Amino acid sequence: MEAEKLMHLAFILPASVLVFWGLGVWVDHLLHQKWVGILGIILGSVAGLIYVIQQAIASEKKASAEDASHPEDDTSRDRENRS
């Protein structure tokens, strides 16, 4: 399940850029401007990147919490095997 969660991150950034660009082009058409599409690309990039970073941090915290819940490491297993 964790792999699926991380796989969707590869699609989030381009999808957010595409959606915001589309909205920018639509607003360009409504307001007869040329710069809103570029602003949409920038906002989409920033929004997608923020989301990807948030998910990466959450994944790292989850992995750290799982590691902390299993305090047994290789050295303790080696001591048990030697005894």
PDB file of N, CA and C in Angstrom:
ATOM      1  N   MET A   1       0.822  -1.195   0.000  1.00  0.00           N
ATOM      2  CA  MET A   1       0.000   0.000   0.000  1.00  0.00           C
ATOM      3  C   MET A   1       0.863   1.254   0.000  1.00  0.00           C
ATOM      4  N   GLU A   2       1.984   1.223   0.700  1.00  0.00           N
ATOM      5  CA  GLU A   2       2.868   2.385   0.753  1.00  0.00           C
ATOM      6  C   GLU A   2       3.428   2.703  -0.635  1.00  0.00           C
ATOM      7  N   ALA A   3       3.722   1.672  -1.404  1.00  0.00           N
ATOM      8  CA  ALA A   3       4.250   1.902  -2.756  1.00  0.00           C
ATOM      9  C   ALA A   3       3.202   2.592  -3.630  1.00  0.00           C
ATOM     10  N   GLU A   4       1.950   2.191  -3.507  1.00  0.00           N
ATOM     11  CA  GLU A   4       0.887   2.825  -4.285  1.00  0.00           C
ATOM     12  C   GLU A   4       0.731   4.287  -3.894  1.00  0.00           C
ATOM     13  N   LYS A   5       0.861   4.552  -2.594  1.00  0.00           N
ATOM     14  CA  LYS A   5       0.726   5.919  -2.114  1.00  0.00           C
ATOM     15  C   LYS A   5       1.843   6.794  -2.677  1.00  0.00           C
ATOM     16  N   LEU A   6       3.032   6.241  -2.752  1.00  0.00           N
ATOM     17  CA  LEU A   6       4.155   7.008  -3.270  1.00  0.00           C
ATOM     18  C   LEU A   6       4.139   7.085  -4.796  1.00  0.00           C
ATOM     19  N   MET A   7       3.557   6.096  -5.455  1.00  0.00           N
ATOM     20  CA  MET A   7       3.487   6.106  -6.917  1.00  0.00           C
ATOM     21  C   MET A   7       2.627   7.258  -7.420  1.00  0.00           C
ATOM     22  N   HIS A   8       1.568   7.582  -6.692  1.00  0.00           N
ATOM     23  CA  HIS A   8       0.693   8.651  -7.174  1.00  0.00           C
ATOM     24  C   HIS A   8       1.373  10.011  -7.111  1.00  0.00           C
ATOM     25  N   LEU A   9       2.437  10.129  -6.327  1.00  0.00           N
ATOM     26  CA  LEU A   9       3.159  11.397  -6.258  1.00  0.00           C
ATOM     27  C   LEU A   9       3.773  11.761  -7.604  1.00  0.00           C
ATOM     28  N   ALA A  10       4.101  10.744  -8.408  1.00  0.00           N
ATOM     29  CA  ALA A  10       4.675  11.018  -9.719  1.00  0.00           C
ATOM     30  C   ALA A  10       3.663  11.687 -10.649  1.00  0.00           C
ATOM     31  N   PHE A  11       2.394  11.536 -10.356  1.00  0.00           N
ATOM     32  CA  PHE A  11       1.349  12.124 -11.197  1.00  0.00           C
ATOM     33  C   PHE A  11       0.807  13.437 -10.641  1.00  0.00           C
ATOM     34  N   ILE A  12       1.035  13.696  -9.372  1.00  0.00           N
ATOM     35  CA  ILE A  12       0.461  14.880  -8.733  1.00  0.00           C
ATOM     36  C   ILE A  12       1.030  16.165  -9.316  1.00  0.00           C
ATOM     37  N   LEU A  13       2.333  16.258  -9.433  1.00  0.00           N
ATOM     38  CA  LEU A  13       2.951  17.496  -9.906  1.00  0.00           C
ATOM     39  C   LEU A  13       2.530  17.840 -11.330  1.00  0.00           C
ATOM     40  N   PRO A  14       2.660  16.919 -12.301  1.00  0.00           N
ATOM     41  CA  PRO A  14       2.206  17.294 -13.650  1.00  0.00           C
ATOM     42  C   PRO A  14       0.697  17.541 -13.729  1.00  0.00           C
ATOM     43  N   ALA A  15      -0.084  16.808 -12.940  1.00  0.00           N
ATOM     44  CA  ALA A  15      -1.534  17.010 -12.971  1.00  0.00           C
ATOM     45  C   ALA A  15      -1.903  18.386 -12.424  1.00  0.00           C
ATOM     46  N   SER A  16      -1.252  18.801 -11.347  1.00  0.00           N
ATOM     47  CA  SER A  16      -1.567  20.122 -10.789  1.00  0.00           C
ATOM     48  C   SER A  16      -1.144  21.229 -11.745  1.00  0.00           C
ATOM     49  N   VAL A  17      -0.013  21.047 -12.411  1.00  0.00           N
ATOM     50  CA  VAL A  17       0.410  22.046 -13.397  1.00  0.00           C
ATOM     51  C   VAL A  17      -0.606  22.114 -14.540  1.00  0.00           C
ATOM     52  N   LEU A  18      -1.043  20.963 -15.014  1.00  0.00           N
ATOM     53  CA  LEU A  18      -2.002  20.926 -16.118  1.00  0.00           C
ATOM     54  C   LEU A  18      -3.343  21.573 -15.735  1.00  0.00           C
ATOM     55  N   VAL A  19      -3.824  21.260 -14.542  1.00  0.00           N
ATOM     56  CA  VAL A  19      -5.103  21.828 -14.093  1.00  0.00           C
ATOM     57  C   VAL A  19      -5.001  23.348 -13.936  1.00  0.00           C
ATOM     58  N   PHE A  20      -3.959  23.814 -13.263  1.00  0.00           N
ATOM     59  CA  PHE A  20      -3.817  25.257 -13.060  1.00  0.00           C
ATOM     60  C   PHE A  20      -3.550  25.985 -14.374  1.00  0.00           C
ATOM     61  N   TRP A  21      -2.804  25.354 -15.289  1.00  0.00           N
ATOM     62  CA  TRP A  21      -2.586  25.955 -16.594  1.00  0.00           C
ATOM     63  C   TRP A  21      -3.914  26.080 -17.344  1.00  0.00           C
ATOM     64  N   GLY A  22      -4.716  25.019 -17.288  1.00  0.00           N
ATOM     65  CA  GLY A  22      -6.024  25.061 -17.941  1.00  0.00           C
ATOM     66  C   GLY A  22      -6.909  26.156 -17.381  1.00  0.00           C
ATOM     67  N   LEU A  23      -6.906  26.284 -16.065  1.00  0.00           N
ATOM     68  CA  LEU A  23      -7.679  27.372 -15.452  1.00  0.00           C
ATOM     69  C   LEU A  23      -7.145  28.738 -15.875  1.00  0.00           C
ATOM     70  N   GLY A  24      -5.825  28.840 -15.950  1.00  0.00           N
ATOM     71  CA  GLY A  24      -5.228  30.109 -16.373  1.00  0.00           C
ATOM     72  C   GLY A  24      -5.581  30.462 -17.802  1.00  0.00           C
ATOM     73  N   VAL A  25      -5.582  29.472 -18.684  1.00  0.00           N
ATOM     74  CA  VAL A  25      -5.958  29.716 -20.081  1.00  0.00           C
ATOM     75  C   VAL A  25      -7.425  30.130 -20.166  1.00  0.00           C
ATOM     76  N   TRP A  26      -8.263  29.507 -19.372  1.00  0.00           N
ATOM     77  CA  TRP A  26      -9.682  29.849 -19.359  1.00  0.00           C
ATOM     78  C   TRP A  26      -9.889  31.303 -18.898  1.00  0.00           C
ATOM     79  N   VAL A  27      -9.178  31.664 -17.812  1.00  0.00           N
ATOM     80  CA  VAL A  27      -9.275  33.036 -17.311  1.00  0.00           C
ATOM     81  C   VAL A  27      -8.688  34.010 -18.343  1.00  0.00           C
ATOM     82  N   ASP A  28      -7.585  33.605 -19.006  1.00  0.00           N
ATOM     83  CA  ASP A  28      -7.032  34.426 -20.086  1.00  0.00           C
ATOM     84  C   ASP A  28      -8.093  34.727 -21.134  1.00  0.00           C
ATOM     85  N   HIS A  29      -8.818  33.694 -21.511  1.00  0.00           N
ATOM     86  CA  HIS A  29      -9.845  33.845 -22.538  1.00  0.00           C
ATOM     87  C   HIS A  29     -10.977  34.781 -22.064  1.00  0.00           C
ATOM     88  N   LEU A  30     -11.366  34.616 -20.811  1.00  0.00           N
ATOM     89  CA  LEU A  30     -12.448  35.457 -20.284  1.00  0.00           C
ATOM     90  C   LEU A  30     -12.048  36.917 -20.155  1.00  0.00           C
ATOM     91  N   LEU A  31     -10.824  37.156 -19.705  1.00  0.00           N
ATOM     92  CA  LEU A  31     -10.381  38.532 -19.437  1.00  0.00           C
ATOM     93  C   LEU A  31      -9.571  39.136 -20.577  1.00  0.00           C
ATOM     94  N   HIS A  32      -9.363  38.370 -21.653  1.00  0.00           N
ATOM     95  CA  HIS A  32      -8.590  38.839 -22.803  1.00  0.00           C
ATOM     96  C   HIS A  32      -7.183  39.272 -22.378  1.00  0.00           C
ATOM     97  N   GLN A  33      -6.551  38.406 -21.594  1.00  0.00           N
ATOM     98  CA  GLN A  33      -5.189  38.633 -21.126  1.00  0.00           C
ATOM     99  C   GLN A  33      -4.290  37.526 -21.674  1.00  0.00           C
ATOM    100  N   LYS A  34      -2.986  37.660 -21.478  1.00  0.00           N
ATOM    101  CA  LYS A  34      -2.046  36.639 -21.947  1.00  0.00           C
ATOM    102  C   LYS A  34      -1.181  36.072 -20.819  1.00  0.00           C
ATOM    103  N   TRP A  35      -1.200  36.696 -19.662  1.00  0.00           N
ATOM    104  CA  TRP A  35      -0.261  36.329 -18.605  1.00  0.00           C
ATOM    105  C   TRP A  35      -0.838  35.375 -17.565  1.00  0.00           C
ATOM    106  N   VAL A  36      -2.116  35.174 -17.513  1.00  0.00           N
ATOM    107  CA  VAL A  36      -2.731  34.363 -16.461  1.00  0.00           C
ATOM    108  C   VAL A  36      -2.399  32.879 -16.646  1.00  0.00           C
ATOM    109  N   GLY A  37      -2.235  32.440 -17.887  1.00  0.00           N
ATOM    110  CA  GLY A  37      -1.841  31.053 -18.135  1.00  0.00           C
ATOM    111  C   GLY A  37      -0.478  30.742 -17.545  1.00  0.00           C
ATOM    112  N   ILE A  38       0.452  31.683 -17.681  1.00  0.00           N
ATOM    113  CA  ILE A  38       1.789  31.506 -17.098  1.00  0.00           C
ATOM    114  C   ILE A  38       1.695  31.484 -15.583  1.00  0.00           C
ATOM    115  N   LEU A  39       0.869  32.352 -15.024  1.00  0.00           N
ATOM    116  CA  LEU A  39       0.655  32.356 -13.579  1.00  0.00           C
ATOM    117  C   LEU A  39       0.065  31.021 -13.124  1.00  0.00           C
ATOM    118  N   GLY A  40      -0.822  30.451 -13.922  1.00  0.00           N
ATOM    119  CA  GLY A  40      -1.394  29.140 -13.606  1.00  0.00           C
ATOM    120  C   GLY A  40      -0.335  28.055 -13.566  1.00  0.00           C
ATOM    121  N   ILE A  41       0.605  28.095 -14.519  1.00  0.00           N
ATOM    122  CA  ILE A  41       1.698  27.111 -14.520  1.00  0.00           C
ATOM    123  C   ILE A  41       2.539  27.248 -13.260  1.00  0.00           C
ATOM    124  N   ILE A  42       2.850  28.483 -12.894  1.00  0.00           N
ATOM    125  CA  ILE A  42       3.669  28.713 -11.692  1.00  0.00           C
ATOM    126  C   ILE A  42       2.921  28.257 -10.445  1.00  0.00           C
ATOM    127  N   LEU A  43       1.646  28.643 -10.313  1.00  0.00           N
ATOM    128  CA  LEU A  43       0.867  28.240  -9.131  1.00  0.00           C
ATOM    129  C   LEU A  43       0.690  26.722  -9.075  1.00  0.00           C
ATOM    130  N   GLY A  44       0.473  26.099 -10.217  1.00  0.00           N
ATOM    131  CA  GLY A  44       0.334  24.647 -10.251  1.00  0.00           C
ATOM    132  C   GLY A  44       1.617  23.947  -9.835  1.00  0.00           C
ATOM    133  N   SER A  45       2.737  24.472 -10.286  1.00  0.00           N
ATOM    134  CA  SER A  45       4.031  23.899  -9.902  1.00  0.00           C
ATOM    135  C   SER A  45       4.258  24.011  -8.402  1.00  0.00           C
ATOM    136  N   VAL A  46       3.969  25.188  -7.868  1.00  0.00           N
ATOM    137  CA  VAL A  46       4.162  25.410  -6.434  1.00  0.00           C
ATOM    138  C   VAL A  46       3.213  24.531  -5.622  1.00  0.00           C
ATOM    139  N   ALA A  47       1.955  24.479  -6.014  1.00  0.00           N
ATOM    140  CA  ALA A  47       0.974  23.667  -5.281  1.00  0.00           C
ATOM    141  C   ALA A  47       1.342  22.188  -5.328  1.00  0.00           C
ATOM    142  N   GLY A  48       1.723  21.702  -6.492  1.00  0.00           N
ATOM    143  CA  GLY A  48       2.114  20.294  -6.615  1.00  0.00           C
ATOM    144  C   GLY A  48       3.358  19.978  -5.815  1.00  0.00           C
ATOM    145  N   LEU A  49       4.329  20.870  -5.851  1.00  0.00           N
ATOM    146  CA  LEU A  49       5.568  20.640  -5.114  1.00  0.00           C
ATOM    147  C   LEU A  49       5.333  20.652  -3.609  1.00  0.00           C
ATOM    148  N   ILE A  50       4.496  21.558  -3.146  1.00  0.00           N
ATOM    149  CA  ILE A  50       4.173  21.597  -1.720  1.00  0.00           C
ATOM    150  C   ILE A  50       3.506  20.296  -1.291  1.00  0.00           C
ATOM    151  N   TYR A  51       2.577  19.808  -2.102  1.00  0.00           N
ATOM    152  CA  TYR A  51       1.899  18.558  -1.766  1.00  0.00           C
ATOM    153  C   TYR A  51       2.876  17.384  -1.748  1.00  0.00           C
ATOM    154  N   VAL A  52       3.753  17.320  -2.726  1.00  0.00           N
ATOM    155  CA  VAL A  52       4.722  16.224  -2.782  1.00  0.00           C
ATOM    156  C   VAL A  52       5.648  16.271  -1.568  1.00  0.00           C
ATOM    157  N   ILE A  53       6.098  17.450  -1.195  1.00  0.00           N
ATOM    158  CA  ILE A  53       6.978  17.578  -0.025  1.00  0.00           C
ATOM    159  C   ILE A  53       6.240  17.184   1.245  1.00  0.00           C
ATOM    160  N   GLN A  54       4.979  17.596   1.399  1.00  0.00           N
ATOM    161  CA  GLN A  54       4.193  17.218   2.571  1.00  0.00           C
ATOM    162  C   GLN A  54       4.042  15.703   2.659  1.00  0.00           C
ATOM    163  N   GLN A  55       3.783  15.060   1.543  1.00  0.00           N
ATOM    164  CA  GLN A  55       3.621  13.612   1.541  1.00  0.00           C
ATOM    165  C   GLN A  55       4.941  12.905   1.844  1.00  0.00           C
ATOM    166  N   ALA A  56       6.044  13.423   1.341  1.00  0.00           N
ATOM    167  CA  ALA A  56       7.349  12.832   1.622  1.00  0.00           C
ATOM    168  C   ALA A  56       7.689  12.947   3.103  1.00  0.00           C
ATOM    169  N   ILE A  57       7.402  14.094   3.695  1.00  0.00           N
ATOM    170  CA  ILE A  57       7.662  14.281   5.124  1.00  0.00           C
ATOM    171  C   ILE A  57       6.780  13.355   5.951  1.00  0.00           C
ATOM    172  N   ALA A  58       5.504  13.235   5.578  1.00  0.00           N
ATOM    173  CA  ALA A  58       4.591  12.342   6.305  1.00  0.00           C
ATOM    174  C   ALA A  58       5.038  10.896   6.191  1.00  0.00           C
ATOM    175  N   SER A  59       5.508  10.505   5.023  1.00  0.00           N
ATOM    176  CA  SER A  59       5.989   9.142   4.824  1.00  0.00           C
ATOM    177  C   SER A  59       7.231   8.879   5.664  1.00  0.00           C
ATOM    178  N   GLU A  60       8.124   9.856   5.731  1.00  0.00           N
ATOM    179  CA  GLU A  60       9.337   9.714   6.527  1.00  0.00           C
ATOM    180  C   GLU A  60       8.999   9.616   8.018  1.00  0.00           C
ATOM    181  N   LYS A  61       8.039  10.439   8.490  1.00  0.00           N
ATOM    182  CA  LYS A  61       7.631  10.365   9.894  1.00  0.00           C
ATOM    183  C   LYS A  61       7.016   9.011  10.212  1.00  0.00           C
ATOM    184  N   LYS A  62       6.223   8.492   9.299  1.00  0.00           N
ATOM    185  CA  LYS A  62       5.599   7.188   9.503  1.00  0.00           C
ATOM    186  C   LYS A  62       6.662   6.093   9.579  1.00  0.00           C
ATOM    187  N   ALA A  63       7.652   6.164   8.705  1.00  0.00           N
ATOM    188  CA  ALA A  63       8.728   5.173   8.718  1.00  0.00           C
ATOM    189  C   ALA A  63       9.538   5.271  10.008  1.00  0.00           C
ATOM    190  N   SER A  64       9.786   6.495  10.468  1.00  0.00           N
ATOM    191  CA  SER A  64      10.529   6.684  11.714  1.00  0.00           C
ATOM    192  C   SER A  64       9.739   6.148  12.901  1.00  0.00           C
ATOM    193  N   ALA A  65       8.430   6.361  12.895  1.00  0.00           N
ATOM    194  CA  ALA A  65       7.593   5.857  13.986  1.00  0.00           C
ATOM    195  C   ALA A  65       7.567   4.336  13.997  1.00  0.00           C
ATOM    196  N   GLU A  66       7.545   3.738  12.829  1.00  0.00           N
ATOM    197  CA  GLU A  66       7.566   2.274  12.759  1.00  0.00           C
ATOM    198  C   GLU A  66       8.901   1.730  13.237  1.00  0.00           C
ATOM    199  N   ASP A  67       9.992   2.419  12.897  1.00  0.00           N
ATOM    200  CA  ASP A  67      11.306   1.996  13.364  1.00  0.00           C
ATOM    201  C   ASP A  67      11.414   2.129  14.877  1.00  0.00           C
ATOM    202  N   ALA A  68      10.843   3.181  15.432  1.00  0.00           N
ATOM    203  CA  ALA A  68      10.894   3.397  16.875  1.00  0.00           C
ATOM    204  C   ALA A  68      10.049   2.370  17.620  1.00  0.00           C
ATOM    205  N   SER A  69       8.997   1.886  16.986  1.00  0.00           N
ATOM    206  CA  SER A  69       8.142   0.898  17.650  1.00  0.00           C
ATOM    207  C   SER A  69       8.779  -0.493  17.659  1.00  0.00           C
ATOM    208  N   HIS A  70       9.812  -0.681  16.871  1.00  0.00           N
ATOM    209  CA  HIS A  70      10.554  -1.946  16.847  1.00  0.00           C
ATOM    210  C   HIS A  70      11.991  -1.677  17.283  1.00  0.00           C
ATOM    211  N   PRO A  71      12.225  -1.547  18.589  1.00  0.00           N
ATOM    212  CA  PRO A  71      13.560  -1.159  19.057  1.00  0.00           C
ATOM    213  C   PRO A  71      14.612  -2.254  18.879  1.00  0.00           C
ATOM    214  N   GLU A  72      14.193  -3.467  18.601  1.00  0.00           N
ATOM    215  CA  GLU A  72      15.155  -4.553  18.431  1.00  0.00           C
ATOM    216  C   GLU A  72      15.938  -4.322  17.147  1.00  0.00           C
ATOM    217  N   ASP A  73      17.254  -4.309  17.283  1.00  0.00           N
ATOM    218  CA  ASP A  73      18.091  -4.128  16.099  1.00  0.00           C
ATOM    219  C   ASP A  73      18.962  -5.349  15.884  1.00  0.00           C
ATOM    220  N   ASP A  74      19.834  -5.294  14.912  1.00  0.00           N
ATOM    221  CA  ASP A  74      20.669  -6.438  14.551  1.00  0.00           C
ATOM    222  C   ASP A  74      21.628  -6.827  15.676  1.00  0.00           C
ATOM    223  N   THR A  75      22.134  -5.865  16.442  1.00  0.00           N
ATOM    224  CA  THR A  75      23.093  -6.198  17.488  1.00  0.00           C
ATOM    225  C   THR A  75      22.433  -7.006  18.592  1.00  0.00           C
ATOM    226  N   SER A  76      21.205  -6.700  18.945  1.00  0.00           N
ATOM    227  CA  SER A  76      20.529  -7.480  19.981  1.00  0.00           C
ATOM    228  C   SER A  76      20.221  -8.878  19.478  1.00  0.00           C
ATOM    229  N   ARG A  77      19.915  -9.028  18.203  1.00  0.00           N
ATOM    230  CA  ARG A  77      19.681 -10.362  17.639  1.00  0.00           C
ATOM    231  C   ARG A  77      20.970 -11.163  17.609  1.00  0.00           C
ATOM    232  N   ASP A  78      22.087 -10.487  17.324  1.00  0.00           N
ATOM    233  CA  ASP A  78      23.367 -11.186  17.330  1.00  0.00           C
ATOM    234  C   ASP A  78      23.713 -11.676  18.726  1.00  0.00           C
ATOM    235  N   ARG A  79      23.432 -10.886  19.751  1.00  0.00           N
ATOM    236  CA  ARG A  79      23.709 -11.313  21.131  1.00  0.00           C
ATOM    237  C   ARG A  79      22.863 -12.514  21.494  1.00  0.00           C
ATOM    238  N   GLU A  80      21.599 -12.519  21.073  1.00  0.00           N
ATOM    239  CA  GLU A  80      20.732 -13.654  21.371  1.00  0.00           C
ATOM    240  C   GLU A  80      21.209 -14.916  20.663  1.00  0.00           C
ATOM    241  N   ASN A  81      21.695 -14.772  19.461  1.00  0.00           N
ATOM    242  CA  ASN A  81      22.186 -15.934  18.707  1.00  0.00           C
ATOM    243  C   ASN A  81      23.456 -16.496  19.301  1.00  0.00           C
ATOM    244  N   ARG A  82      24.284 -15.663  19.890  1.00  0.00           N
ATOM    245  CA  ARG A  82      25.543 -16.106  20.474  1.00  0.00           C
ATOM    246  C   ARG A  82      25.313 -16.847  21.792  1.00  0.00           C
ATOM    247  N   SER A  83      24.254 -16.503  22.502  1.00  0.00           N
ATOM    248  CA  SER A  83      23.995 -17.087  23.828  1.00  0.00           C
ATOM    249  C   SER A  83      23.516 -18.505  23.741  1.00  0.00           C
TER     250      SER A  83
END
